[in-house]
Amino acid sequence: MFRRILGVIVALACVAPTIAAQEMPSANEILEKMITAAGGEAFANLGILELEVTVEETRNDGTQSQRSFTAFVDATNLANMRMELPGGVVVAASAGGGWSTTRNVLDDRPQVPTMARLTINQSLFPLLLPHSLQMEGVWLKDVRETILNGREVWVISIPFTKGFFANPVMETTWILVVAKDDYSIVSIEFAPAPAFADVSPVGVRYQILTRQEIEGATVAKQVLAIGINSQYQESGANRVTRIAATAKNRSICSMRTRSWSHCIFESFLFNWNMFRNNISL
């Protein structure tokens, strides 16, 4: 069913007549209700969220591959995230910068702090929806409404601050489709950026197939990514990402002196000074 949304965004204006006139909510008002539907403050109360991620990919030629990684997310501040990749590679970012190591050896190239943040954004933004729509550099703009497959939806355009993703093909305006009845995400997608359409002519349509509840908050459990062309037609390539999410133990830090989640990230996940001084964790 999900794969048959057939050019959803291009056809949205023609799928159904505009819904009866009523006061149009702003994009931020819709986002607020999306966050509430996904648990509201319960998400931030998770503190550190650990994600065990498995990605199964099918390419246009039918070949398949699988990879896995672990991510840690500060649910109180999505600027703080870390990914542990195969081969002993760790990539981390915080509001103060980023770093990367391979088998505890710091990558000290000058571009690494920026690329670490962009790589994490690119990998984790789709998996943390709708919460990631609150990240710095994400802008919810124009809102319109229509009916899609018999369901009333809002369609919201999302431009990003330049340099949000590592891949410049993704540096374009995305389209978010939100169901009116429960504020769930029907899809979020982007066509190839025009400047790169000849080099990399594939965009992506993301759909959250299933969700999981953790202490009152909901996060994605299974995300489908479908390749699309500049006309929003499906290319045949697809990627299924499965996420097992766990809230970390809050007793690691004392809540009397500071936020326990920030304590965990500073001491366990983002100990930049130790790496900078070549001291292994």
Foldseek 3Di string as FASTA:
>chain_A
DLQPLFLVPVCQPPPFPADPDDDDDFQVVLLQLLCVLQQNCQQQVLAKKKKWKKKWKADLVGDIDIAIKMKIAGSNARQWMKIQGPQQWIWTGHPVWIWIDGVLATDPPPCRRLQSQQACLVPCLLQFPPSSCPHPFKDWHDWGWGARPNFTKIKIKIAGHPSNHPDCQPRDIKIWIATPPRRDTSWIWDFGDPVCCVPDFWIKIKGQPDWDDDRRGITGAKMKIFIAGNSRGTSRIIMIMGIDMDRDDQVPDDVPPHRSSVVCCCPPNCVPVCNVVSHGD
